Amino acid sequence: SAPSSGAYQAGRPLPRLESFVAFLARCSRVRTGTLMCTIIYLERLRSRLPKGARGQPCTAHRIFLAALIVAGKYASDFWPNNSHWESHGIGFPASEISLMERQLLRLLDFSLAISETQL
């Protein structure tokens, strides 16, 4: 297959990040604890990235989606696979979602444990 461009699906307008997050929370019926874990992973990532790091217009969407999926898989034995997310029409193919997940895990050094004090 062709290398990933990392971009949002061609021809689709990129939703506002707030709308994207709200949609994901609704369609996944994510629990509060999983959202809290997602936020912790986002904070960990931010502390590891250089200040002023920039990406594509869809980078924040990609990072949030990856963090939500990683948090969900870590917190739950029953979490949808990445094809499930593609079927919701979120604008990223399953192969791209899997890549996002792997990239985030590497950036976090696979350190996913969260203590009660961090919550």
N, C-alpha and C. Protein backbone atom coordinates (compact mmCIF):
# COMPACT_ATOMS: atom_id res chain seq x y z
N SER A 1 0.83 -1.18 0.00
CA SER A 1 0.00 0.00 0.00
C SER A 1 0.87 1.24 0.00
N ALA A 2 0.28 2.34 -0.39
CA ALA A 2 1.02 3.60 -0.47
C ALA A 2 1.36 4.11 0.92
N PRO A 3 2.47 4.83 1.04
CA PRO A 3 2.80 5.40 2.35
C PRO A 3 1.71 6.35 2.81
N SER A 4 1.55 6.43 4.09
CA SER A 4 0.51 7.28 4.65
C SER A 4 0.89 8.75 4.54
N SER A 5 -0.05 9.56 4.14
CA SER A 5 0.19 11.00 4.12
C SER A 5 -0.09 11.61 5.48
N GLY A 6 -0.82 10.88 6.31
CA GLY A 6 -1.17 11.38 7.63
C GLY A 6 -2.27 12.43 7.60
N ALA A 7 -2.75 12.76 6.42
CA ALA A 7 -3.75 13.81 6.31
C ALA A 7 -5.15 13.25 6.53
N TYR A 8 -6.04 14.17 6.81
CA TYR A 8 -7.45 13.84 6.96
C TYR A 8 -7.99 13.47 5.59
N GLN A 9 -9.05 12.69 5.56
CA GLN A 9 -9.63 12.18 4.31
C GLN A 9 -9.85 13.30 3.30
N ALA A 10 -9.31 13.10 2.11
CA ALA A 10 -9.41 14.10 1.05
C ALA A 10 -10.87 14.40 0.73
N GLY A 11 -11.15 15.67 0.51
CA GLY A 11 -12.49 16.08 0.12
C GLY A 11 -13.45 16.29 1.27
N ARG A 12 -13.02 16.00 2.49
CA ARG A 12 -13.89 16.20 3.66
C ARG A 12 -13.37 17.38 4.45
N PRO A 13 -14.26 18.25 4.86
CA PRO A 13 -13.81 19.35 5.71
C PRO A 13 -13.41 18.81 7.09
N LEU A 14 -12.33 19.32 7.62
CA LEU A 14 -11.87 18.92 8.94
C LEU A 14 -12.79 19.56 9.98
N PRO A 15 -13.40 18.75 10.85
CA PRO A 15 -14.29 19.34 11.87
C PRO A 15 -13.48 20.09 12.92
N ARG A 16 -14.13 21.00 13.61
CA ARG A 16 -13.47 21.64 14.75
C ARG A 16 -13.08 20.55 15.73
N LEU A 17 -11.98 20.74 16.41
CA LEU A 17 -11.50 19.72 17.34
C LEU A 17 -12.54 19.42 18.41
N GLU A 18 -13.21 20.44 18.92
CA GLU A 18 -14.22 20.23 19.96
C GLU A 18 -15.35 19.34 19.46
N SER A 19 -15.77 19.55 18.22
CA SER A 19 -16.83 18.72 17.63
C SER A 19 -16.36 17.29 17.43
N PHE A 20 -15.12 17.13 17.01
CA PHE A 20 -14.54 15.80 16.80
C PHE A 20 -14.48 15.03 18.12
N VAL A 21 -14.01 15.69 19.17
CA VAL A 21 -13.91 15.06 20.50
C VAL A 21 -15.30 14.68 21.00
N ALA A 22 -16.26 15.58 20.87
CA ALA A 22 -17.63 15.30 21.33
C ALA A 22 -18.22 14.12 20.56
N PHE A 23 -17.99 14.08 19.26
CA PHE A 23 -18.49 12.98 18.45
C PHE A 23 -17.89 11.65 18.90
N LEU A 24 -16.58 11.63 19.12
CA LEU A 24 -15.92 10.39 19.56
C LEU A 24 -16.43 9.95 20.92
N ALA A 25 -16.63 10.89 21.82
CA ALA A 25 -17.13 10.55 23.16
C ALA A 25 -18.54 9.96 23.06
N ARG A 26 -19.36 10.53 22.18
CA ARG A 26 -20.73 10.03 22.00
C ARG A 26 -20.75 8.65 21.35
N CYS A 27 -20.04 8.50 20.25
CA CYS A 27 -20.13 7.23 19.50
C CYS A 27 -19.43 6.09 20.23
N SER A 28 -18.47 6.40 21.09
CA SER A 28 -17.78 5.34 21.82
C SER A 28 -18.42 5.05 23.17
N ARG A 29 -19.30 5.97 23.61
CA ARG A 29 -19.91 5.85 24.94
C ARG A 29 -18.83 5.66 26.00
N VAL A 30 -17.77 6.41 25.83
CA VAL A 30 -16.59 6.29 26.69
C VAL A 30 -16.93 6.67 28.13
N ARG A 31 -16.32 5.97 29.05
CA ARG A 31 -16.53 6.25 30.47
C ARG A 31 -15.64 7.41 30.90
N THR A 32 -16.05 8.04 31.97
CA THR A 32 -15.31 9.19 32.50
C THR A 32 -13.86 8.82 32.81
N GLY A 33 -13.65 7.66 33.40
CA GLY A 33 -12.29 7.22 33.74
C GLY A 33 -11.40 7.10 32.52
N THR A 34 -11.97 6.61 31.42
CA THR A 34 -11.20 6.48 30.18
C THR A 34 -10.86 7.86 29.62
N LEU A 35 -11.79 8.80 29.71
CA LEU A 35 -11.49 10.17 29.27
C LEU A 35 -10.40 10.78 30.14
N MET A 36 -10.43 10.50 31.43
CA MET A 36 -9.39 11.02 32.32
C MET A 36 -8.03 10.43 31.94
N CYS A 37 -7.99 9.14 31.64
CA CYS A 37 -6.74 8.52 31.19
C CYS A 37 -6.27 9.15 29.88
N THR A 38 -7.20 9.42 28.99
CA THR A 38 -6.88 10.06 27.72
C THR A 38 -6.19 11.40 27.97
N ILE A 39 -6.74 12.18 28.87
CA ILE A 39 -6.17 13.49 29.19
C ILE A 39 -4.77 13.34 29.77
N ILE A 40 -4.58 12.36 30.64
CA ILE A 40 -3.26 12.13 31.22
C ILE A 40 -2.25 11.76 30.13
N TYR A 41 -2.64 10.91 29.20
CA TYR A 41 -1.74 10.56 28.10
C TYR A 41 -1.42 11.79 27.24
N LEU A 42 -2.41 12.64 27.02
CA LEU A 42 -2.18 13.86 26.25
C LEU A 42 -1.20 14.77 26.99
N GLU A 43 -1.35 14.88 28.30
CA GLU A 43 -0.42 15.70 29.09
C GLU A 43 0.99 15.11 29.05
N ARG A 44 1.11 13.81 29.15
CA ARG A 44 2.43 13.16 29.06
C ARG A 44 3.08 13.44 27.72
N LEU A 45 2.28 13.32 26.66
CA LEU A 45 2.82 13.58 25.33
C LEU A 45 3.28 15.02 25.21
N ARG A 46 2.47 15.94 25.68
CA ARG A 46 2.83 17.36 25.60
C ARG A 46 4.16 17.63 26.30
N SER A 47 4.38 16.97 27.43
CA SER A 47 5.63 17.20 28.17
C SER A 47 6.84 16.63 27.44
N ARG A 48 6.63 15.72 26.50
CA ARG A 48 7.73 15.10 25.76
C ARG A 48 8.01 15.79 24.43
N LEU A 49 7.07 16.56 23.94
CA LEU A 49 7.25 17.23 22.65
C LEU A 49 7.93 18.58 22.86
N PRO A 50 8.71 19.02 21.87
CA PRO A 50 9.33 20.34 21.98
C PRO A 50 8.26 21.44 22.02
N LYS A 51 8.54 22.49 22.79
CA LYS A 51 7.60 23.62 22.82
C LYS A 51 7.45 24.17 21.41
N GLY A 52 6.24 24.52 21.08
CA GLY A 52 5.99 25.08 19.75
C GLY A 52 5.95 24.04 18.64
N ALA A 53 5.92 22.76 19.00
CA ALA A 53 5.83 21.71 17.97
C ALA A 53 4.55 21.91 17.16
N ARG A 54 4.67 21.80 15.87
CA ARG A 54 3.53 21.99 14.98
C ARG A 54 3.36 20.76 14.10
N GLY A 55 2.18 20.60 13.59
CA GLY A 55 1.90 19.49 12.69
C GLY A 55 0.95 19.94 11.61
N GLN A 56 0.28 18.99 11.03
CA GLN A 56 -0.73 19.27 10.01
C GLN A 56 -2.00 19.76 10.69
N PRO A 57 -2.94 20.31 9.92
CA PRO A 57 -4.19 20.75 10.53
C PRO A 57 -4.93 19.66 11.30
N CYS A 58 -4.74 18.40 10.90
CA CYS A 58 -5.44 17.30 11.57
C CYS A 58 -4.63 16.66 12.70
N THR A 59 -3.47 17.20 13.03
CA THR A 59 -2.61 16.56 14.03
C THR A 59 -3.29 16.44 15.38
N ALA A 60 -3.95 17.47 15.84
CA ALA A 60 -4.62 17.40 17.15
C ALA A 60 -5.71 16.34 17.14
N HIS A 61 -6.41 16.20 16.03
CA HIS A 61 -7.45 15.17 15.89
C HIS A 61 -6.83 13.78 15.99
N ARG A 62 -5.72 13.60 15.28
CA ARG A 62 -5.02 12.31 15.28
C ARG A 62 -4.55 11.95 16.68
N ILE A 63 -3.95 12.92 17.36
CA ILE A 63 -3.41 12.67 18.70
C ILE A 63 -4.53 12.33 19.67
N PHE A 64 -5.63 13.09 19.62
CA PHE A 64 -6.73 12.79 20.55
C PHE A 64 -7.29 11.40 20.28
N LEU A 65 -7.53 11.08 19.01
CA LEU A 65 -8.08 9.77 18.68
C LEU A 65 -7.15 8.65 19.16
N ALA A 66 -5.87 8.79 18.91
CA ALA A 66 -4.91 7.77 19.35
C ALA A 66 -4.90 7.64 20.87
N ALA A 67 -4.92 8.77 21.57
CA ALA A 67 -4.91 8.73 23.04
C ALA A 67 -6.18 8.09 23.58
N LEU A 68 -7.31 8.39 22.97
CA LEU A 68 -8.58 7.79 23.40
C LEU A 68 -8.55 6.27 23.19
N ILE A 69 -8.07 5.84 22.05
CA ILE A 69 -8.03 4.41 21.75
C ILE A 69 -7.07 3.69 22.69
N VAL A 70 -5.89 4.26 22.90
CA VAL A 70 -4.91 3.64 23.81
C VAL A 70 -5.49 3.58 25.22
N ALA A 71 -6.10 4.66 25.67
CA ALA A 71 -6.70 4.67 27.02
C ALA A 71 -7.82 3.64 27.11
N GLY A 72 -8.64 3.56 26.09
CA GLY A 72 -9.74 2.60 26.10
C GLY A 72 -9.26 1.17 26.12
N LYS A 73 -8.25 0.87 25.33
CA LYS A 73 -7.71 -0.49 25.30
C LYS A 73 -7.02 -0.83 26.62
N TYR A 74 -6.38 0.15 27.23
CA TYR A 74 -5.70 -0.09 28.49
C TYR A 74 -6.71 -0.31 29.62
N ALA A 75 -7.80 0.43 29.59
CA ALA A 75 -8.76 0.41 30.70
C ALA A 75 -9.85 -0.65 30.55
N SER A 76 -10.03 -1.18 29.36
CA SER A 76 -11.17 -2.06 29.13
C SER A 76 -10.77 -3.31 28.36
N ASP A 77 -11.36 -4.42 28.73
CA ASP A 77 -11.16 -5.66 27.97
C ASP A 77 -12.01 -5.68 26.70
N PHE A 78 -13.00 -4.83 26.65
CA PHE A 78 -13.93 -4.81 25.52
C PHE A 78 -13.91 -3.44 24.87
N TRP A 79 -12.97 -3.21 24.00
CA TRP A 79 -12.83 -1.94 23.31
C TRP A 79 -12.90 -2.20 21.82
N PRO A 80 -13.58 -1.36 21.06
CA PRO A 80 -13.71 -1.60 19.62
C PRO A 80 -12.35 -1.63 18.91
N ASN A 81 -12.26 -2.45 17.86
CA ASN A 81 -11.02 -2.45 17.09
C ASN A 81 -10.98 -1.22 16.19
N ASN A 82 -9.86 -1.01 15.54
CA ASN A 82 -9.67 0.22 14.77
C ASN A 82 -10.56 0.29 13.54
N SER A 83 -10.99 -0.84 13.01
CA SER A 83 -11.95 -0.82 11.88
C SER A 83 -13.29 -0.24 12.32
N HIS A 84 -13.63 -0.44 13.58
CA HIS A 84 -14.86 0.12 14.13
C HIS A 84 -14.85 1.65 14.01
N TRP A 85 -13.71 2.25 14.33
CA TRP A 85 -13.61 3.72 14.27
C TRP A 85 -13.75 4.20 12.84
N GLU A 86 -13.13 3.49 11.91
CA GLU A 86 -13.25 3.86 10.50
C GLU A 86 -14.72 3.80 10.06
N SER A 87 -15.45 2.81 10.54
CA SER A 87 -16.85 2.65 10.14
C SER A 87 -17.74 3.79 10.64
N HIS A 88 -17.27 4.54 11.62
CA HIS A 88 -18.04 5.69 12.11
C HIS A 88 -17.82 6.93 11.25
N GLY A 89 -17.02 6.79 10.21
CA GLY A 89 -16.83 7.91 9.29
C GLY A 89 -16.08 9.07 9.90
N ILE A 90 -15.05 8.77 10.69
CA ILE A 90 -14.32 9.86 11.35
C ILE A 90 -13.25 10.48 10.46
N GLY A 91 -13.06 9.93 9.26
CA GLY A 91 -12.15 10.56 8.31
C GLY A 91 -10.77 9.94 8.22
N PHE A 92 -10.52 8.90 8.99
CA PHE A 92 -9.22 8.22 8.94
C PHE A 92 -9.46 6.73 8.70
N PRO A 93 -8.71 6.11 7.79
CA PRO A 93 -8.86 4.67 7.58
C PRO A 93 -8.26 3.88 8.74
N ALA A 94 -8.69 2.64 8.90
CA ALA A 94 -8.22 1.81 10.01
C ALA A 94 -6.71 1.67 10.02
N SER A 95 -6.10 1.56 8.86
CA SER A 95 -4.63 1.43 8.80
C SER A 95 -3.95 2.67 9.37
N GLU A 96 -4.52 3.82 9.10
CA GLU A 96 -3.98 5.09 9.61
C GLU A 96 -4.19 5.18 11.12
N ILE A 97 -5.34 4.73 11.59
CA ILE A 97 -5.64 4.73 13.02
C ILE A 97 -4.66 3.82 13.76
N SER A 98 -4.37 2.67 13.18
CA SER A 98 -3.40 1.75 13.79
C SER A 98 -2.02 2.39 13.85
N LEU A 99 -1.64 3.09 12.80
CA LEU A 99 -0.36 3.80 12.79
C LEU A 99 -0.32 4.87 13.87
N MET A 100 -1.40 5.64 14.01
CA MET A 100 -1.47 6.67 15.05
C MET A 100 -1.26 6.05 16.43
N GLU A 101 -1.91 4.94 16.65
CA GLU A 101 -1.83 4.25 17.93
C GLU A 101 -0.38 3.82 18.22
N ARG A 102 0.27 3.20 17.23
CA ARG A 102 1.66 2.76 17.41
C ARG A 102 2.59 3.94 17.66
N GLN A 103 2.39 5.02 16.91
CA GLN A 103 3.23 6.20 17.09
C GLN A 103 3.08 6.78 18.49
N LEU A 104 1.85 6.87 18.98
CA LEU A 104 1.63 7.40 20.32
C LEU A 104 2.28 6.50 21.36
N LEU A 105 2.11 5.20 21.22
CA LEU A 105 2.71 4.27 22.18
C LEU A 105 4.22 4.45 22.24
N ARG A 106 4.85 4.62 21.07
CA ARG A 106 6.31 4.84 21.05
C ARG A 106 6.67 6.17 21.71
N LEU A 107 5.91 7.21 21.41
CA LEU A 107 6.20 8.52 22.01
C LEU A 107 6.04 8.50 23.53
N LEU A 108 5.15 7.66 24.01
CA LEU A 108 4.95 7.52 25.46
C LEU A 108 5.85 6.45 26.06
N ASP A 109 6.76 5.90 25.25
CA ASP A 109 7.64 4.80 25.69
C ASP A 109 6.85 3.63 26.26
N PHE A 110 5.66 3.43 25.74
CA PHE A 110 4.78 2.33 26.18
C PHE A 110 4.48 2.40 27.68
N SER A 111 4.66 3.57 28.25
CA SER A 111 4.40 3.78 29.69
C SER A 111 2.95 4.24 29.85
N LEU A 112 2.07 3.29 30.16
CA LEU A 112 0.64 3.59 30.21
C LEU A 112 0.05 3.55 31.61
N ALA A 113 0.80 3.04 32.57
CA ALA A 113 0.27 2.93 33.93
C ALA A 113 -0.06 4.32 34.48
N ILE A 114 -1.17 4.39 35.19
CA ILE A 114 -1.62 5.65 35.80
C ILE A 114 -1.94 5.37 37.26
N SER A 115 -1.37 6.19 38.12
CA SER A 115 -1.63 6.01 39.56
C SER A 115 -2.90 6.77 39.95
N GLU A 116 -3.44 6.41 41.10
CA GLU A 116 -4.64 7.10 41.59
C GLU A 116 -4.37 8.58 41.80
N THR A 117 -3.17 8.92 42.22
CA THR A 117 -2.85 10.33 42.47
C THR A 117 -2.84 11.14 41.18
N GLN A 118 -2.56 10.50 40.05
CA GLN A 118 -2.57 11.20 38.78
C GLN A 118 -3.99 11.51 38.31
N LEU A 119 -4.95 10.72 38.78
CA LEU A 119 -6.34 10.95 38.41
C LEU A 119 -6.89 12.10 39.23
